[in-house]
C-alpha atoms as a PDB file:
ATOM      1  CA  MET A   1      47.292 -24.652 -57.948  1.00  0.00           C
ATOM      2  CA  VAL A   2      46.080 -27.628 -55.894  1.00  0.00           C
ATOM      3  CA  GLU A   3      49.016 -29.680 -57.156  1.00  0.00           C
ATOM      4  CA  LEU A   4      51.400 -26.939 -56.063  1.00  0.00           C
ATOM      5  CA  VAL A   5      49.946 -26.876 -52.540  1.00  0.00           C
ATOM      6  CA  LEU A   6      50.096 -30.678 -52.263  1.00  0.00           C
ATOM      7  CA  ARG A   7      53.682 -30.786 -53.513  1.00  0.00           C
ATOM      8  CA  ILE A   8      54.739 -28.086 -51.045  1.00  0.00           C
ATOM      9  CA  GLY A   9      53.115 -30.131 -48.271  1.00  0.00           C
ATOM     10  CA  MET A  10      54.992 -33.231 -49.417  1.00  0.00           C
ATOM     11  CA  ALA A  11      58.236 -31.249 -49.503  1.00  0.00           C
ATOM     12  CA  PHE A  12      57.874 -30.545 -45.781  1.00  0.00           C
ATOM     13  CA  LEU A  13      56.981 -34.141 -44.827  1.00  0.00           C
ATOM     14  CA  LEU A  14      60.506 -35.558 -44.671  1.00  0.00           C
ATOM     15  CA  PRO A  15      62.007 -32.585 -42.793  1.00  0.00           C
ATOM     16  CA  PHE A  16      59.096 -32.870 -40.333  1.00  0.00           C
ATOM     17  CA  LEU A  17      59.896 -36.536 -39.723  1.00  0.00           C
ATOM     18  CA  TRP A  18      63.592 -35.732 -39.267  1.00  0.00           C
ATOM     19  CA  LEU A  19      62.749 -33.048 -36.709  1.00  0.00           C
ATOM     20  CA  GLN A  20      60.725 -35.515 -34.627  1.00  0.00           C
ATOM     21  CA  PRO A  21      62.612 -37.811 -32.247  1.00  0.00           C
ATOM     22  CA  SER A  22      63.317 -41.311 -33.519  1.00  0.00           C
ATOM     23  CA  SER A  23      60.951 -42.680 -30.855  1.00  0.00           C
ATOM     24  CA  TYR A  24      58.069 -40.473 -32.080  1.00  0.00           C
ATOM     25  CA  PHE A  25      55.877 -43.407 -33.161  1.00  0.00           C
ATOM     26  CA  ASP A  26      56.801 -45.726 -30.260  1.00  0.00           C
ATOM     27  CA  THR A  27      53.990 -44.646 -27.932  1.00  0.00           C
ATOM     28  CA  GLY A  28      50.247 -45.036 -28.279  1.00  0.00           C
ATOM     29  CA  GLU A  29      47.865 -47.907 -28.567  1.00  0.00           C
ATOM     30  CA  GLU A  30      48.406 -50.867 -30.865  1.00  0.00           C
ATOM     31  CA  ARG A  31      46.632 -50.350 -34.201  1.00  0.00           C
ATOM     32  CA  CYS A  32      47.498 -53.483 -36.143  1.00  0.00           C
ATOM     33  CA  TYR A  33      44.312 -55.484 -36.728  1.00  0.00           C
ATOM     34  CA  TRP A  34      46.135 -58.822 -36.732  1.00  0.00           C
ATOM     35  CA  LYS A  35      48.057 -58.109 -33.559  1.00  0.00           C
ATOM     36  CA  VAL A  36      45.023 -56.760 -31.669  1.00  0.00           C
ATOM     37  CA  HIS A  37      42.570 -59.496 -32.692  1.00  0.00           C
ATOM     38  CA  TYR A  38      44.764 -62.542 -33.253  1.00  0.00           C
ATOM     39  CA  GLY A  39      47.977 -61.807 -31.337  1.00  0.00           C
ATOM     40  CA  ILE A  40      50.238 -62.334 -34.369  1.00  0.00           C
ATOM     41  CA  GLU A  41      52.348 -59.827 -36.225  1.00  0.00           C
ATOM     42  CA  CYS A  42      51.638 -59.070 -39.869  1.00  0.00           C
ATOM     43  CA  PRO A  43      54.430 -58.233 -42.383  1.00  0.00           C
ATOM     44  CA  GLY A  44      53.775 -54.533 -41.808  1.00  0.00           C
ATOM     45  CA  CYS A  45      54.136 -54.561 -38.023  1.00  0.00           C
ATOM     46  CA  GLY A  46      56.907 -52.192 -36.965  1.00  0.00           C
ATOM     47  CA  LEU A  47      57.240 -50.657 -40.420  1.00  0.00           C
ATOM     48  CA  THR A  48      56.374 -47.098 -39.389  1.00  0.00           C
ATOM     49  CA  ARG A  49      58.591 -47.217 -36.302  1.00  0.00           C
ATOM     50  CA  GLY A  50      61.373 -48.891 -38.281  1.00  0.00           C
ATOM     51  CA  THR A  51      61.204 -46.353 -41.084  1.00  0.00           C
ATOM     52  CA  GLN A  52      61.394 -43.490 -38.572  1.00  0.00           C
ATOM     53  CA  ARG A  53      64.441 -45.129 -36.965  1.00  0.00           C
ATOM     54  CA  MET A  54      66.002 -45.690 -40.402  1.00  0.00           C
ATOM     55  CA  LEU A  55      65.586 -41.997 -41.283  1.00  0.00           C
ATOM     56  CA  HIS A  56      67.437 -41.139 -38.068  1.00  0.00           C
ATOM     57  CA  GLY A  57      70.303 -43.511 -38.870  1.00  0.00           C
ATOM     58  CA  GLU A  58      69.432 -46.170 -36.303  1.00  0.00           C
ATOM     59  CA  TRP A  59      69.919 -49.018 -38.792  1.00  0.00           C
ATOM     60  CA  GLN A  60      70.162 -51.899 -36.324  1.00  0.00           C
ATOM     61  CA  THR A  61      66.995 -50.954 -34.429  1.00  0.00           C
ATOM     62  CA  ALA A  62      65.134 -50.347 -37.690  1.00  0.00           C
ATOM     63  CA  MET A  63      66.045 -53.788 -39.035  1.00  0.00           C
ATOM     64  CA  GLU A  64      64.967 -55.403 -35.765  1.00  0.00           C
ATOM     65  CA  LEU A  65      61.583 -53.664 -35.935  1.00  0.00           C
ATOM     66  CA  ASN A  66      60.967 -54.618 -39.576  1.00  0.00           C
ATOM     67  CA  PRO A  67      63.491 -55.657 -42.254  1.00  0.00           C
ATOM     68  CA  LEU A  68      61.494 -53.786 -44.911  1.00  0.00           C
ATOM     69  CA  SER A  69      62.183 -50.440 -43.200  1.00  0.00           C
ATOM     70  CA  GLY A  70      65.177 -49.805 -45.458  1.00  0.00           C
ATOM     71  CA  VAL A  71      63.092 -50.317 -48.586  1.00  0.00           C
ATOM     72  CA  VAL A  72      60.372 -47.956 -47.358  1.00  0.00           C
ATOM     73  CA  ALA A  73      62.875 -45.308 -46.213  1.00  0.00           C
ATOM     74  CA  GLY A  74      64.659 -45.500 -49.573  1.00  0.00           C
ATOM     75  CA  ALA A  75      61.389 -45.212 -51.486  1.00  0.00           C
ATOM     76  CA  LEU A  76      60.387 -42.271 -49.303  1.00  0.00           C
ATOM     77  CA  LEU A  77      63.653 -40.494 -50.100  1.00  0.00           C
ATOM     78  CA  VAL A  78      63.249 -41.130 -53.844  1.00  0.00           C
ATOM     79  CA  VAL A  79      59.640 -39.901 -53.861  1.00  0.00           C
ATOM     80  CA  TRP A  80      60.672 -36.841 -51.849  1.00  0.00           C
ATOM     81  CA  ALA A  81      63.497 -36.019 -54.298  1.00  0.00           C
ATOM     82  CA  LEU A  82      61.248 -36.495 -57.343  1.00  0.00           C
ATOM     83  CA  ASN A  83      58.597 -34.320 -55.710  1.00  0.00           C
ATOM     84  CA  GLY A  84      61.191 -31.584 -55.182  1.00  0.00           C
ATOM     85  CA  TYR A  85      62.178 -31.774 -58.817  1.00  0.00           C
ATOM     86  CA  GLU A  86      58.550 -31.565 -59.971  1.00  0.00           C
ATOM     87  CA  LEU A  87      57.916 -28.685 -57.589  1.00  0.00           C
ATOM     88  CA  TYR A  88      60.884 -26.898 -59.099  1.00  0.00           C
ATOM     89  CA  ARG A  89      59.481 -27.452 -62.596  1.00  0.00           C
ATOM     90  CA  ILE A  90      56.009 -26.268 -61.585  1.00  0.00           C
ATOM     91  CA  ILE A  91      57.333 -23.065 -60.062  1.00  0.00           C
ATOM     92  CA  HIS A  92      59.390 -22.303 -63.149  1.00  0.00           C
ATOM     93  CA  GLY A  93      56.382 -22.973 -65.360  1.00  0.00           C
ATOM     94  CA  LEU A  94      53.805 -20.864 -63.537  1.00  0.00           C
ATOM     95  CA  PRO A  95      53.229 -17.683 -65.523  1.00  0.00           C
ATOM     96  CA  ASN A  96      50.988 -16.038 -62.907  1.00  0.00           C
ATOM     97  CA  LEU A  97      53.653 -15.743 -60.191  1.00  0.00           C
ATOM     98  CA  ASN A  98      55.046 -12.250 -59.906  1.00  0.00           C
ATOM     99  CA  THR A  99      58.651 -11.827 -60.949  1.00  0.00           C
ATOM    100  CA  PRO A 100      60.289 -11.152 -57.540  1.00  0.00           C
ATOM    101  CA  THR A 101      58.611 -14.182 -55.957  1.00  0.00           C
ATOM    102  CA  ARG A 102      59.524 -16.390 -58.877  1.00  0.00           C
ATOM    103  CA  ARG A 103      63.149 -15.227 -58.721  1.00  0.00           C
ATOM    104  CA  ARG A 104      63.382 -15.897 -54.978  1.00  0.00           C
ATOM    105  CA  LEU A 105      61.824 -19.357 -55.285  1.00  0.00           C
ATOM    106  CA  SER A 106      63.996 -20.217 -58.278  1.00  0.00           C
ATOM    107  CA  ALA A 107      67.156 -19.125 -56.480  1.00  0.00           C
ATOM    108  CA  TRP A 108      66.158 -21.129 -53.398  1.00  0.00           C
ATOM    109  CA  PHE A 109      65.494 -24.306 -55.412  1.00  0.00           C
ATOM    110  CA  GLU A 110      68.693 -23.898 -57.422  1.00  0.00           C
ATOM    111  CA  SER A 111      70.718 -23.545 -54.219  1.00  0.00           C
ATOM    112  CA  ILE A 112      69.127 -26.725 -52.873  1.00  0.00           C
ATOM    113  CA  LEU A 113      69.812 -28.633 -56.086  1.00  0.00           C
ATOM    114  CA  ARG A 114      73.449 -27.486 -56.128  1.00  0.00           C
ATOM    115  CA  SER A 115      74.139 -28.658 -52.568  1.00  0.00           C
END
């Protein structure tokens, strides 16, 4: 049951990021240890902001922030899709769900997989 709750939470992560503006992570204090203490950027600087921009289709800005943003955004999409598939399998394999709920969830997942 814990796995089901975690997978449902993961299923809502990507839509949550898409609903936020592309500049969602642009404000706030600097958190990179290397940049704060030594004034130099590490290979991960700009990765979160770049990935958010990549998910919103702002390719040029994302690549300027960090060239690895495309790799992270792609991996995030793959993990999200695999999580959805596993969630679908879990829901179909749970014997303790009542029949109407199971039918509704199954129909919802099948409609998502078809589109």
